[in-house]
C-alpha atoms as a PDB file:
ATOM      1  CA  MET A   1      23.245 -22.568  96.150  1.00  0.00           C
ATOM      2  CA  SER A   2      21.145 -23.062  98.994  1.00  0.00           C
ATOM      3  CA  HIS A   3      19.089 -20.240 100.846  1.00  0.00           C
ATOM      4  CA  GLU A   4      18.297 -22.449 103.970  1.00  0.00           C
ATOM      5  CA  PRO A   5      20.405 -20.582 106.300  1.00  0.00           C
ATOM      6  CA  GLN A   6      17.988 -17.298 105.592  1.00  0.00           C
ATOM      7  CA  ARG A   7      15.108 -19.666 106.469  1.00  0.00           C
ATOM      8  CA  ALA A   8      16.635 -20.506 109.825  1.00  0.00           C
ATOM      9  CA  THR A   9      14.479 -19.914 112.830  1.00  0.00           C
ATOM     10  CA  LEU A  10      15.172 -17.935 115.882  1.00  0.00           C
ATOM     11  CA  ALA A  11      14.941 -21.114 117.753  1.00  0.00           C
ATOM     12  CA  ALA A  12      17.829 -22.583 115.552  1.00  0.00           C
ATOM     13  CA  VAL A  13      19.933 -19.513 116.294  1.00  0.00           C
ATOM     14  CA  ALA A  14      19.197 -19.635 119.945  1.00  0.00           C
ATOM     15  CA  ARG A  15      20.260 -23.299 120.145  1.00  0.00           C
ATOM     16  CA  GLU A  16      23.412 -22.422 118.571  1.00  0.00           C
ATOM     17  CA  ALA A  17      23.947 -19.462 120.699  1.00  0.00           C
ATOM     18  CA  GLY A  18      22.934 -21.510 123.716  1.00  0.00           C
ATOM     19  CA  VAL A  19      20.608 -19.121 124.755  1.00  0.00           C
ATOM     20  CA  SER A  20      16.705 -18.924 124.933  1.00  0.00           C
ATOM     21  CA  VAL A  21      14.409 -17.803 121.877  1.00  0.00           C
ATOM     22  CA  PRO A  22      13.201 -14.432 124.035  1.00  0.00           C
ATOM     23  CA  THR A  23      16.855 -13.623 124.352  1.00  0.00           C
ATOM     24  CA  VAL A  24      17.286 -13.756 120.678  1.00  0.00           C
ATOM     25  CA  SER A  25      14.375 -11.763 120.176  1.00  0.00           C
ATOM     26  CA  LYS A  26      15.271  -8.969 122.524  1.00  0.00           C
ATOM     27  CA  VAL A  27      18.713  -8.686 120.305  1.00  0.00           C
ATOM     28  CA  VAL A  28      16.608  -8.740 117.118  1.00  0.00           C
ATOM     29  CA  ASN A  29      14.306  -6.134 118.342  1.00  0.00           C
ATOM     30  CA  GLY A  30      17.192  -3.859 119.885  1.00  0.00           C
ATOM     31  CA  ARG A  31      16.746  -4.438 123.405  1.00  0.00           C
ATOM     32  CA  THR A  32      19.531  -3.275 125.515  1.00  0.00           C
ATOM     33  CA  ASP A  33      18.960  -5.601 128.262  1.00  0.00           C
ATOM     34  CA  VAL A  34      21.422  -8.481 127.164  1.00  0.00           C
ATOM     35  CA  ALA A  35      24.690  -9.161 128.376  1.00  0.00           C
ATOM     36  CA  SER A  36      27.267  -7.674 125.864  1.00  0.00           C
ATOM     37  CA  GLU A  37      29.377 -10.925 125.331  1.00  0.00           C
ATOM     38  CA  THR A  38      25.709 -12.786 124.644  1.00  0.00           C
ATOM     39  CA  ARG A  39      24.857  -9.790 122.201  1.00  0.00           C
ATOM     40  CA  ARG A  40      27.946  -9.944 120.181  1.00  0.00           C
ATOM     41  CA  ARG A  41      27.336 -13.723 120.090  1.00  0.00           C
ATOM     42  CA  ILE A  42      23.712 -13.604 119.053  1.00  0.00           C
ATOM     43  CA  GLU A  43      24.224 -10.757 116.519  1.00  0.00           C
ATOM     44  CA  ALA A  44      27.258 -12.547 114.533  1.00  0.00           C
ATOM     45  CA  LEU A  45      24.814 -15.581 114.315  1.00  0.00           C
ATOM     46  CA  LEU A  46      21.864 -13.614 113.086  1.00  0.00           C
ATOM     47  CA  VAL A  47      24.209 -11.739 110.464  1.00  0.00           C
ATOM     48  CA  ARG A  48      25.316 -15.257 109.400  1.00  0.00           C
ATOM     49  CA  HIS A  49      21.922 -16.395 108.848  1.00  0.00           C
ATOM     50  CA  GLY A  50      20.730 -13.132 107.286  1.00  0.00           C
ATOM     51  CA  TYR A  51      18.489 -11.916 110.070  1.00  0.00           C
ATOM     52  CA  VAL A  52      20.527  -8.641 110.134  1.00  0.00           C
ATOM     53  CA  ALA A  53      23.031  -6.461 108.492  1.00  0.00           C
ATOM     54  CA  ARG A  54      26.097  -4.626 109.756  1.00  0.00           C
ATOM     55  CA  GLY A  55      26.404  -0.986 109.544  1.00  0.00           C
ATOM     56  CA  LEU A  56      27.964   1.964 111.495  1.00  0.00           C
ATOM     57  CA  GLY A  57      25.315   0.970 114.254  1.00  0.00           C
ATOM     58  CA  GLY A  58      26.484  -2.456 114.222  1.00  0.00           C
ATOM     59  CA  ALA A  59      23.665  -4.873 113.918  1.00  0.00           C
ATOM     60  CA  GLN A  60      20.439  -3.440 112.956  1.00  0.00           C
ATOM     61  CA  PRO A  61      17.073  -5.178 114.030  1.00  0.00           C
ATOM     62  CA  VAL A  62      14.789  -6.255 111.330  1.00  0.00           C
ATOM     63  CA  THR A  63      11.179  -6.826 111.628  1.00  0.00           C
ATOM     64  CA  ARG A  64       9.430 -10.272 111.897  1.00  0.00           C
ATOM     65  CA  THR A  65       6.722 -10.826 109.744  1.00  0.00           C
ATOM     66  CA  VAL A  66       3.728 -13.416 109.596  1.00  0.00           C
ATOM     67  CA  GLU A  67       0.629 -13.439 107.177  1.00  0.00           C
ATOM     68  CA  VAL A  68      -2.884 -13.739 107.913  1.00  0.00           C
ATOM     69  CA  VAL A  69      -4.951 -15.089 104.726  1.00  0.00           C
ATOM     70  CA  PHE A  70      -8.747 -15.080 104.899  1.00  0.00           C
ATOM     71  CA  ASP A  71     -10.666 -17.021 102.239  1.00  0.00           C
ATOM     72  CA  ALA A  72     -12.622 -13.667 101.611  1.00  0.00           C
ATOM     73  CA  MET A  73     -12.843 -10.424 103.460  1.00  0.00           C
ATOM     74  CA  ARG A  74     -16.608 -10.449 103.366  1.00  0.00           C
ATOM     75  CA  SER A  75     -17.482 -11.502 106.863  1.00  0.00           C
ATOM     76  CA  PRO A  76     -17.631  -8.845 109.872  1.00  0.00           C
ATOM     77  CA  ASN A  77     -16.137 -11.753 111.822  1.00  0.00           C
ATOM     78  CA  ASN A  78     -12.651 -11.499 109.928  1.00  0.00           C
ATOM     79  CA  LEU A  79     -12.210  -8.078 111.728  1.00  0.00           C
ATOM     80  CA  ASP A  80     -12.695  -9.317 115.057  1.00  0.00           C
ATOM     81  CA  ILE A  81     -10.149 -12.023 114.264  1.00  0.00           C
ATOM     82  CA  LEU A  82      -7.662  -9.726 112.773  1.00  0.00           C
ATOM     83  CA  HIS A  83      -7.947  -7.590 115.770  1.00  0.00           C
ATOM     84  CA  GLY A  84      -6.980 -10.280 118.129  1.00  0.00           C
ATOM     85  CA  ALA A  85      -4.320 -11.610 115.878  1.00  0.00           C
ATOM     86  CA  LEU A  86      -2.783  -8.098 115.489  1.00  0.00           C
ATOM     87  CA  GLU A  87      -2.861  -7.763 119.413  1.00  0.00           C
ATOM     88  CA  ALA A  88      -1.239 -11.093 120.198  1.00  0.00           C
ATOM     89  CA  ALA A  89       1.642 -10.259 117.216  1.00  0.00           C
ATOM     90  CA  GLY A  90       2.062  -6.460 118.489  1.00  0.00           C
ATOM     91  CA  ALA A  91       2.761  -8.089 121.991  1.00  0.00           C
ATOM     92  CA  GLU A  92       6.166  -9.807 120.364  1.00  0.00           C
ATOM     93  CA  SER A  93       6.891  -6.957 118.095  1.00  0.00           C
ATOM     94  CA  VAL A  94       5.740  -8.959 114.996  1.00  0.00           C
ATOM     95  CA  ASP A  95       4.326  -7.489 112.211  1.00  0.00           C
ATOM     96  CA  VAL A  96       0.983  -8.710 110.300  1.00  0.00           C
ATOM     97  CA  VAL A  97       0.631  -8.920 106.704  1.00  0.00           C
ATOM     98  CA  VAL A  98      -2.967  -9.507 105.569  1.00  0.00           C
ATOM     99  CA  GLY A  99      -4.144 -11.093 102.391  1.00  0.00           C
ATOM    100  CA  THR A 100      -6.717 -13.334 100.722  1.00  0.00           C
ATOM    101  CA  VAL A 101      -6.293 -16.799  99.362  1.00  0.00           C
ATOM    102  CA  PRO A 102      -4.706 -16.557  95.825  1.00  0.00           C
ATOM    103  CA  GLN A 103      -5.807 -18.120  92.943  1.00  0.00           C
ATOM    104  CA  ASP A 104      -3.214 -20.980  92.650  1.00  0.00           C
ATOM    105  CA  PRO A 105      -3.914 -22.156  96.277  1.00  0.00           C
ATOM    106  CA  LEU A 106      -2.963 -25.759  95.359  1.00  0.00           C
ATOM    107  CA  GLY A 107       0.355 -24.939  93.738  1.00  0.00           C
ATOM    108  CA  ALA A 108       3.912 -24.507  95.274  1.00  0.00           C
ATOM    109  CA  ALA A 109       3.988 -20.557  94.158  1.00  0.00           C
ATOM    110  CA  TRP A 110       2.064 -19.718  97.119  1.00  0.00           C
ATOM    111  CA  ALA A 111       4.611 -20.989  99.641  1.00  0.00           C
ATOM    112  CA  ARG A 112       7.895 -20.136  97.480  1.00  0.00           C
ATOM    113  CA  ARG A 113       6.470 -16.376  97.577  1.00  0.00           C
ATOM    114  CA  MET A 114       6.098 -16.485 101.357  1.00  0.00           C
ATOM    115  CA  ALA A 115       9.482 -17.810 101.710  1.00  0.00           C
ATOM    116  CA  THR A 116      10.890 -15.065  99.590  1.00  0.00           C
ATOM    117  CA  ALA A 117       9.420 -12.483 101.317  1.00  0.00           C
ATOM    118  CA  HIS A 118      10.718 -13.868 104.383  1.00  0.00           C
ATOM    119  CA  ARG A 119       7.258 -14.589 106.173  1.00  0.00           C
ATOM    120  CA  GLU A 120       7.874 -16.640 109.252  1.00  0.00           C
ATOM    121  CA  GLY A 121       4.587 -18.319 109.625  1.00  0.00           C
ATOM    122  CA  LEU A 122       0.904 -18.068 108.315  1.00  0.00           C
ATOM    123  CA  ILE A 123      -2.576 -18.147 109.868  1.00  0.00           C
ATOM    124  CA  LEU A 124      -5.171 -19.217 107.391  1.00  0.00           C
ATOM    125  CA  VAL A 125      -8.638 -18.239 108.314  1.00  0.00           C
ATOM    126  CA  THR A 126     -11.790 -20.306 107.283  1.00  0.00           C
ATOM    127  CA  SER A 127     -10.124 -21.634 104.101  1.00  0.00           C
ATOM    128  CA  GLU A 128      -9.633 -25.081 102.734  1.00  0.00           C
ATOM    129  CA  ILE A 129      -6.208 -26.615 103.029  1.00  0.00           C
ATOM    130  CA  ASN A 130      -5.207 -30.096 101.662  1.00  0.00           C
ATOM    131  CA  PRO A 131      -2.366 -32.276 102.154  1.00  0.00           C
ATOM    132  CA  GLN A 132      -0.871 -31.024  99.041  1.00  0.00           C
ATOM    133  CA  GLN A 133      -0.936 -27.539  99.959  1.00  0.00           C
ATOM    134  CA  TRP A 134       0.127 -28.405 103.699  1.00  0.00           C
ATOM    135  CA  ARG A 135       3.138 -30.204 102.140  1.00  0.00           C
ATOM    136  CA  HIS A 136       4.372 -26.999 100.048  1.00  0.00           C
ATOM    137  CA  PHE A 137       4.321 -25.146 103.344  1.00  0.00           C
ATOM    138  CA  ALA A 138       6.262 -27.516 105.336  1.00  0.00           C
ATOM    139  CA  GLU A 139       8.862 -27.809 102.456  1.00  0.00           C
ATOM    140  CA  GLN A 140       9.338 -24.052 102.903  1.00  0.00           C
ATOM    141  CA  HIS A 141       9.784 -24.531 106.590  1.00  0.00           C
ATOM    142  CA  ILE A 142       6.566 -22.055 107.082  1.00  0.00           C
ATOM    143  CA  PRO A 143       4.404 -23.011 110.193  1.00  0.00           C
ATOM    144  CA  VAL A 144       0.619 -22.529 109.374  1.00  0.00           C
ATOM    145  CA  VAL A 145      -2.126 -22.349 112.159  1.00  0.00           C
ATOM    146  CA  THR A 146      -5.750 -22.635 110.852  1.00  0.00           C
ATOM    147  CA  ILE A 147      -9.083 -20.926 112.245  1.00  0.00           C
ATOM    148  CA  ASP A 148     -12.241 -22.708 111.443  1.00  0.00           C
ATOM    149  CA  PRO A 149     -10.808 -24.410 108.597  1.00  0.00           C
ATOM    150  CA  ILE A 150     -13.336 -25.888 105.988  1.00  0.00           C
ATOM    151  CA  ASN A 151     -11.386 -29.212 106.318  1.00  0.00           C
ATOM    152  CA  LEU A 152      -8.038 -30.559 107.673  1.00  0.00           C
ATOM    153  CA  PRO A 153      -5.668 -32.604 105.696  1.00  0.00           C
ATOM    154  CA  GLY A 154      -4.945 -34.578 109.051  1.00  0.00           C
ATOM    155  CA  PRO A 155      -5.572 -34.557 112.838  1.00  0.00           C
ATOM    156  CA  ASP A 156      -1.899 -33.067 113.576  1.00  0.00           C
ATOM    157  CA  VAL A 157      -2.774 -29.716 111.557  1.00  0.00           C
ATOM    158  CA  PRO A 158      -2.868 -27.072 114.157  1.00  0.00           C
ATOM    159  CA  SER A 159      -6.403 -25.292 114.269  1.00  0.00           C
ATOM    160  CA  VAL A 160      -8.295 -22.884 116.546  1.00  0.00           C
ATOM    161  CA  GLY A 161     -12.138 -22.680 116.432  1.00  0.00           C
ATOM    162  CA  ALA A 162     -15.297 -22.713 118.687  1.00  0.00           C
ATOM    163  CA  THR A 163     -17.391 -25.115 120.433  1.00  0.00           C
ATOM    164  CA  ASN A 164     -19.511 -25.206 117.474  1.00  0.00           C
ATOM    165  CA  PHE A 165     -21.369 -28.828 118.391  1.00  0.00           C
ATOM    166  CA  ASN A 166     -21.947 -27.202 121.836  1.00  0.00           C
ATOM    167  CA  GLY A 167     -23.373 -24.106 120.347  1.00  0.00           C
ATOM    168  CA  GLY A 168     -25.468 -25.968 118.203  1.00  0.00           C
ATOM    169  CA  MET A 169     -27.080 -27.914 121.154  1.00  0.00           C
ATOM    170  CA  ALA A 170     -27.287 -24.729 123.136  1.00  0.00           C
ATOM    171  CA  ALA A 171     -29.237 -22.866 120.570  1.00  0.00           C
ATOM    172  CA  THR A 172     -31.734 -25.946 119.875  1.00  0.00           C
ATOM    173  CA  ASN A 173     -32.176 -26.496 123.724  1.00  0.00           C
ATOM    174  CA  HIS A 174     -33.137 -22.693 124.006  1.00  0.00           C
ATOM    175  CA  LEU A 175     -35.978 -23.185 121.625  1.00  0.00           C
ATOM    176  CA  LEU A 176     -37.225 -26.704 122.881  1.00  0.00           C
ATOM    177  CA  GLU A 177     -36.943 -25.053 126.515  1.00  0.00           C
ATOM    178  CA  LEU A 178     -39.183 -22.532 125.198  1.00  0.00           C
ATOM    179  CA  GLY A 179     -41.764 -25.042 123.877  1.00  0.00           C
ATOM    180  CA  HIS A 180     -40.876 -25.265 120.342  1.00  0.00           C
ATOM    181  CA  ARG A 181     -41.091 -28.716 118.663  1.00  0.00           C
ATOM    182  CA  ARG A 182     -40.959 -28.079 114.769  1.00  0.00           C
ATOM    183  CA  ILE A 183     -37.451 -26.511 114.768  1.00  0.00           C
ATOM    184  CA  GLY A 184     -36.374 -25.845 111.138  1.00  0.00           C
ATOM    185  CA  PHE A 185     -32.764 -25.815 110.658  1.00  0.00           C
ATOM    186  CA  ILE A 186     -30.757 -23.564 108.048  1.00  0.00           C
ATOM    187  CA  GLU A 187     -27.155 -25.355 107.642  1.00  0.00           C
ATOM    188  CA  GLY A 188     -24.169 -23.729 106.350  1.00  0.00           C
ATOM    189  CA  PRO A 189     -22.004 -25.121 103.464  1.00  0.00           C
ATOM    190  CA  PRO A 190     -22.593 -29.074 103.761  1.00  0.00           C
ATOM    191  CA  GLY A 191     -18.855 -29.835 103.598  1.00  0.00           C
ATOM    192  CA  ALA A 192     -17.715 -27.308 106.202  1.00  0.00           C
ATOM    193  CA  MET A 193     -16.648 -28.473 109.601  1.00  0.00           C
ATOM    194  CA  VAL A 194     -18.035 -25.821 111.583  1.00  0.00           C
ATOM    195  CA  ALA A 195     -21.401 -26.298 109.721  1.00  0.00           C
ATOM    196  CA  ILE A 196     -21.417 -30.219 110.210  1.00  0.00           C
ATOM    197  CA  ALA A 197     -20.676 -29.665 114.027  1.00  0.00           C
ATOM    198  CA  ARG A 198     -23.628 -27.219 114.372  1.00  0.00           C
ATOM    199  CA  LEU A 199     -25.858 -29.486 112.663  1.00  0.00           C
ATOM    200  CA  HIS A 200     -25.010 -32.636 114.912  1.00  0.00           C
ATOM    201  CA  GLY A 201     -25.598 -30.214 117.896  1.00  0.00           C
ATOM    202  CA  TYR A 202     -28.964 -29.483 116.623  1.00  0.00           C
ATOM    203  CA  HIS A 203     -29.765 -33.418 116.187  1.00  0.00           C
ATOM    204  CA  ALA A 204     -28.351 -34.011 119.908  1.00  0.00           C
ATOM    205  CA  ALA A 205     -30.616 -31.744 121.311  1.00  0.00           C
ATOM    206  CA  LEU A 206     -33.526 -33.163 119.746  1.00  0.00           C
ATOM    207  CA  ALA A 207     -32.483 -36.797 120.455  1.00  0.00           C
ATOM    208  CA  GLN A 208     -32.114 -35.618 123.971  1.00  0.00           C
ATOM    209  CA  ARG A 209     -35.806 -34.769 124.226  1.00  0.00           C
ATOM    210  CA  GLY A 210     -36.770 -37.931 122.243  1.00  0.00           C
ATOM    211  CA  LEU A 211     -37.377 -35.970 118.886  1.00  0.00           C
ATOM    212  CA  ALA A 212     -36.049 -36.678 115.509  1.00  0.00           C
ATOM    213  CA  GLY A 213     -35.000 -34.405 112.939  1.00  0.00           C
ATOM    214  CA  ASP A 214     -37.350 -34.174 110.247  1.00  0.00           C
ATOM    215  CA  PRO A 215     -35.497 -33.883 107.002  1.00  0.00           C
ATOM    216  CA  GLU A 216     -38.540 -31.542 105.472  1.00  0.00           C
ATOM    217  CA  LEU A 217     -37.411 -28.856 108.092  1.00  0.00           C
ATOM    218  CA  MET A 218     -33.657 -28.780 107.123  1.00  0.00           C
ATOM    219  CA  THR A 219     -31.847 -27.248 104.316  1.00  0.00           C
ATOM    220  CA  ALA A 220     -28.327 -25.970 103.387  1.00  0.00           C
ATOM    221  CA  GLY A 221     -26.305 -23.235 101.756  1.00  0.00           C
ATOM    222  CA  PRO A 222     -23.474 -20.656 101.888  1.00  0.00           C
ATOM    223  CA  PHE A 223     -23.160 -18.749 105.087  1.00  0.00           C
ATOM    224  CA  SER A 224     -25.230 -15.484 103.664  1.00  0.00           C
ATOM    225  CA  PHE A 225     -27.950 -13.550 103.967  1.00  0.00           C
ATOM    226  CA  GLU A 226     -29.462 -14.464 100.893  1.00  0.00           C
ATOM    227  CA  THR A 227     -29.266 -18.228 101.832  1.00  0.00           C
ATOM    228  CA  GLY A 228     -31.214 -17.502 104.864  1.00  0.00           C
ATOM    229  CA  PHE A 229     -34.108 -15.463 103.044  1.00  0.00           C
ATOM    230  CA  SER A 230     -34.652 -18.211 100.094  1.00  0.00           C
ATOM    231  CA  ALA A 231     -34.405 -21.037 102.878  1.00  0.00           C
ATOM    232  CA  ALA A 232     -36.535 -19.197 104.986  1.00  0.00           C
ATOM    233  CA  LEU A 233     -39.261 -18.610 102.608  1.00  0.00           C
ATOM    234  CA  GLY A 234     -39.305 -22.501 101.622  1.00  0.00           C
ATOM    235  CA  LEU A 235     -39.364 -23.588 105.399  1.00  0.00           C
ATOM    236  CA  LEU A 236     -42.145 -21.217 106.422  1.00  0.00           C
ATOM    237  CA  GLY A 237     -44.169 -21.878 103.361  1.00  0.00           C
ATOM    238  CA  ARG A 238     -44.736 -25.482 104.593  1.00  0.00           C
ATOM    239  CA  ASP A 239     -48.063 -26.673 106.235  1.00  0.00           C
ATOM    240  CA  PRO A 240     -47.540 -27.128 108.921  1.00  0.00           C
ATOM    241  CA  ARG A 241     -44.825 -24.538 109.077  1.00  0.00           C
ATOM    242  CA  PRO A 242     -42.004 -24.655 111.761  1.00  0.00           C
ATOM    243  CA  SER A 243     -42.525 -22.429 114.708  1.00  0.00           C
ATOM    244  CA  ALA A 244     -39.079 -21.647 115.290  1.00  0.00           C
ATOM    245  CA  LEU A 245     -35.673 -21.519 112.890  1.00  0.00           C
ATOM    246  CA  PHE A 246     -32.242 -22.013 113.712  1.00  0.00           C
ATOM    247  CA  ALA A 247     -29.846 -20.500 111.356  1.00  0.00           C
ATOM    248  CA  SER A 248     -26.372 -21.731 111.188  1.00  0.00           C
ATOM    249  CA  ASN A 249     -24.998 -18.084 111.211  1.00  0.00           C
ATOM    250  CA  ASP A 250     -26.300 -14.728 111.947  1.00  0.00           C
ATOM    251  CA  SER A 251     -26.200 -13.521 108.149  1.00  0.00           C
ATOM    252  CA  GLN A 252     -28.635 -16.444 107.490  1.00  0.00           C
ATOM    253  CA  ALA A 253     -30.892 -15.441 110.467  1.00  0.00           C
ATOM    254  CA  LEU A 254     -31.393 -11.926 109.288  1.00  0.00           C
ATOM    255  CA  GLY A 255     -32.137 -13.265 105.973  1.00  0.00           C
ATOM    256  CA  ALA A 256     -34.646 -15.487 107.635  1.00  0.00           C
ATOM    257  CA  ILE A 257     -36.375 -12.608 109.508  1.00  0.00           C
ATOM    258  CA  GLU A 258     -36.830 -10.828 106.295  1.00  0.00           C
ATOM    259  CA  ALA A 259     -38.257 -13.880 104.743  1.00  0.00           C
ATOM    260  CA  ALA A 260     -40.703 -14.003 107.616  1.00  0.00           C
ATOM    261  CA  ARG A 261     -41.605 -10.492 107.387  1.00  0.00           C
ATOM    262  CA  THR A 262     -42.034 -10.734 103.633  1.00  0.00           C
ATOM    263  CA  LEU A 263     -44.670 -13.476 104.355  1.00  0.00           C
ATOM    264  CA  GLY A 264     -46.386 -11.302 106.754  1.00  0.00           C
ATOM    265  CA  LEU A 265     -45.021 -13.207 109.896  1.00  0.00           C
ATOM    266  CA  ARG A 266     -43.976 -11.538 113.210  1.00  0.00           C
ATOM    267  CA  VAL A 267     -40.618 -12.700 115.008  1.00  0.00           C
ATOM    268  CA  PRO A 268     -40.971 -13.799 117.468  1.00  0.00           C
ATOM    269  CA  GLU A 269     -44.840 -13.894 117.735  1.00  0.00           C
ATOM    270  CA  ASP A 270     -45.417 -16.165 114.824  1.00  0.00           C
ATOM    271  CA  VAL A 271     -41.956 -17.509 114.482  1.00  0.00           C
ATOM    272  CA  SER A 272     -38.740 -17.356 116.521  1.00  0.00           C
ATOM    273  CA  VAL A 273     -35.218 -17.195 114.922  1.00  0.00           C
ATOM    274  CA  ILE A 274     -32.007 -17.604 116.388  1.00  0.00           C
ATOM    275  CA  GLY A 275     -28.587 -17.407 114.667  1.00  0.00           C
ATOM    276  CA  PHE A 276     -24.929 -18.230 115.409  1.00  0.00           C
ATOM    277  CA  ASP A 277     -21.813 -16.056 115.556  1.00  0.00           C
ATOM    278  CA  ASP A 278     -22.998 -12.565 117.364  1.00  0.00           C
ATOM    279  CA  ILE A 279     -21.838 -10.307 114.686  1.00  0.00           C
ATOM    280  CA  SER A 280     -22.545  -6.445 115.452  1.00  0.00           C
ATOM    281  CA  ALA A 281     -25.552  -6.435 113.333  1.00  0.00           C
ATOM    282  CA  ALA A 282     -27.163  -8.930 115.376  1.00  0.00           C
ATOM    283  CA  ARG A 283     -27.721  -6.347 118.310  1.00  0.00           C
ATOM    284  CA  TRP A 284     -29.153  -3.768 115.734  1.00  0.00           C
ATOM    285  CA  SER A 285     -31.555  -6.251 113.870  1.00  0.00           C
ATOM    286  CA  ALA A 286     -35.550  -5.687 114.428  1.00  0.00           C
ATOM    287  CA  PRO A 287     -35.975  -7.446 116.646  1.00  0.00           C
ATOM    288  CA  PRO A 288     -32.572  -7.955 118.021  1.00  0.00           C
ATOM    289  CA  LEU A 289     -31.337 -11.388 117.219  1.00  0.00           C
ATOM    290  CA  THR A 290     -30.841 -14.218 119.786  1.00  0.00           C
ATOM    291  CA  THR A 291     -27.732 -15.955 118.784  1.00  0.00           C
ATOM    292  CA  VAL A 292     -24.852 -17.989 119.905  1.00  0.00           C
ATOM    293  CA  ARG A 293     -21.654 -15.936 120.417  1.00  0.00           C
ATOM    294  CA  GLN A 294     -18.154 -16.930 119.230  1.00  0.00           C
ATOM    295  CA  PRO A 295     -15.175 -15.171 120.637  1.00  0.00           C
ATOM    296  CA  PHE A 296     -13.613 -14.176 117.412  1.00  0.00           C
ATOM    297  CA  ALA A 297     -10.860 -11.924 118.841  1.00  0.00           C
ATOM    298  CA  GLU A 298      -9.623 -14.440 121.205  1.00  0.00           C
ATOM    299  CA  MET A 299      -9.480 -16.991 118.504  1.00  0.00           C
ATOM    300  CA  GLY A 300      -7.318 -14.577 116.743  1.00  0.00           C
ATOM    301  CA  ARG A 301      -5.053 -14.225 119.585  1.00  0.00           C
ATOM    302  CA  THR A 302      -4.868 -17.659 120.349  1.00  0.00           C
ATOM    303  CA  ALA A 303      -4.006 -18.694 116.903  1.00  0.00           C
ATOM    304  CA  MET A 304      -1.344 -15.945 116.855  1.00  0.00           C
ATOM    305  CA  ARG A 305       0.465 -17.290 120.191  1.00  0.00           C
ATOM    306  CA  ARG A 306       0.140 -20.820 118.885  1.00  0.00           C
ATOM    307  CA  LEU A 307       2.067 -19.681 115.384  1.00  0.00           C
ATOM    308  CA  LEU A 308       4.805 -17.676 117.322  1.00  0.00           C
ATOM    309  CA  ARG A 309       5.040 -20.854 119.496  1.00  0.00           C
ATOM    310  CA  LEU A 310       5.870 -22.912 116.626  1.00  0.00           C
ATOM    311  CA  ILE A 311       8.024 -20.423 114.774  1.00  0.00           C
ATOM    312  CA  ALA A 312       9.940 -20.491 117.907  1.00  0.00           C
ATOM    313  CA  GLY A 313      10.593 -24.142 117.803  1.00  0.00           C
ATOM    314  CA  GLU A 314       7.945 -25.236 120.639  1.00  0.00           C
ATOM    315  CA  GLU A 315       5.775 -27.939 120.525  1.00  0.00           C
ATOM    316  CA  LEU A 316       1.956 -27.572 121.223  1.00  0.00           C
ATOM    317  CA  SER A 317       0.342 -29.452 123.886  1.00  0.00           C
ATOM    318  CA  SER A 318      -2.873 -30.241 121.362  1.00  0.00           C
ATOM    319  CA  PRO A 319      -2.998 -29.658 117.828  1.00  0.00           C
ATOM    320  CA  ARG A 320      -7.166 -28.403 118.296  1.00  0.00           C
ATOM    321  CA  VAL A 321      -8.061 -25.810 120.672  1.00  0.00           C
ATOM    322  CA  GLU A 322     -11.620 -24.932 120.842  1.00  0.00           C
ATOM    323  CA  LEU A 323     -12.770 -21.834 122.772  1.00  0.00           C
ATOM    324  CA  ALA A 324     -16.355 -21.554 124.625  1.00  0.00           C
ATOM    325  CA  THR A 325     -19.470 -20.329 122.819  1.00  0.00           C
ATOM    326  CA  GLU A 326     -21.951 -18.308 124.599  1.00  0.00           C
ATOM    327  CA  LEU A 327     -25.937 -18.361 124.003  1.00  0.00           C
ATOM    328  CA  ILE A 328     -26.880 -14.447 123.849  1.00  0.00           C
ATOM    329  CA  VAL A 329     -30.682 -14.195 124.424  1.00  0.00           C
ATOM    330  CA  ARG A 330     -32.400 -11.397 122.863  1.00  0.00           C
ATOM    331  CA  LYS A 331     -35.847 -10.533 121.605  1.00  0.00           C
ATOM    332  CA  SER A 332     -36.161 -12.826 118.298  1.00  0.00           C
ATOM    333  CA  THR A 333     -37.359 -15.813 120.316  1.00  0.00           C
ATOM    334  CA  ALA A 334     -40.395 -16.518 122.370  1.00  0.00           C
ATOM    335  CA  ALA A 335     -42.496 -19.341 123.309  1.00  0.00           C
ATOM    336  CA  PRO A 336     -44.875 -20.532 120.340  1.00  0.00           C
ATOM    337  CA  ALA A 337     -48.168 -19.001 119.974  1.00  0.00           C
END
């Protein structure tokens, strides 16, 4: 026996009732500002589709739930993203379940579990998604929106991110305007979309000044303190050493500052360091870190709003949304000695 009626969207109920999705949502959430005849028609359809159960009090509202899944809850950025997503979901009386990517992300079991739990949609944060995975969610009628995906299975996959290319250019231009010419670059994971975009921004800023990127001044690795520390040790050990380092995220940049300190170098007097993200620790580091700010909370809000639109059966004007980054100048950068 098919369970498809239980997976009907509120948009389908609205179409059948001849009303708008917000009107159906009002009935689901127990609002009283709906005409009695319209309410009865919607309640009957909701019961038929499994959204509500009848009892002494008539149709009882149920909780609408979506899921926000992270690759891992290690980054402080995740809390900001989650805060924004919760805020947008709360405004629509939608509950949020938080999780991490399961061990079998390529299989159909994950999508089936979400369908069985009546999740209406999924936000996937900084994770890989491939065509097989995407197809399983589509088969279960679960809309997906991604935030800073490592990759995309196709151009039509809804995604939210920041202007990483522009941010990479802004960071590099800041160092160039200070007078730096030997600028080391610590890339993120080479296959990650955000890491590639920041690297391209770095190259574009150099090219605008007629400079070519020196492969010996570039290295790559995970977005971690340890990567920044080991990469900076290697770069700052070169002769001549770079006068500035651009790390692809703040954790790497903080590792680079510690590496400079280990080598007896002062930041920024001997070497300037710039990061990317503007995590809380960037303001507390010694010295406070110059960085490129990403609007993480707004990314979470935007992704949730787009997901709720998809759940309501609406079309998105564009599959990709990029929010503006901002250069934040603090005390870890200065003109070269």
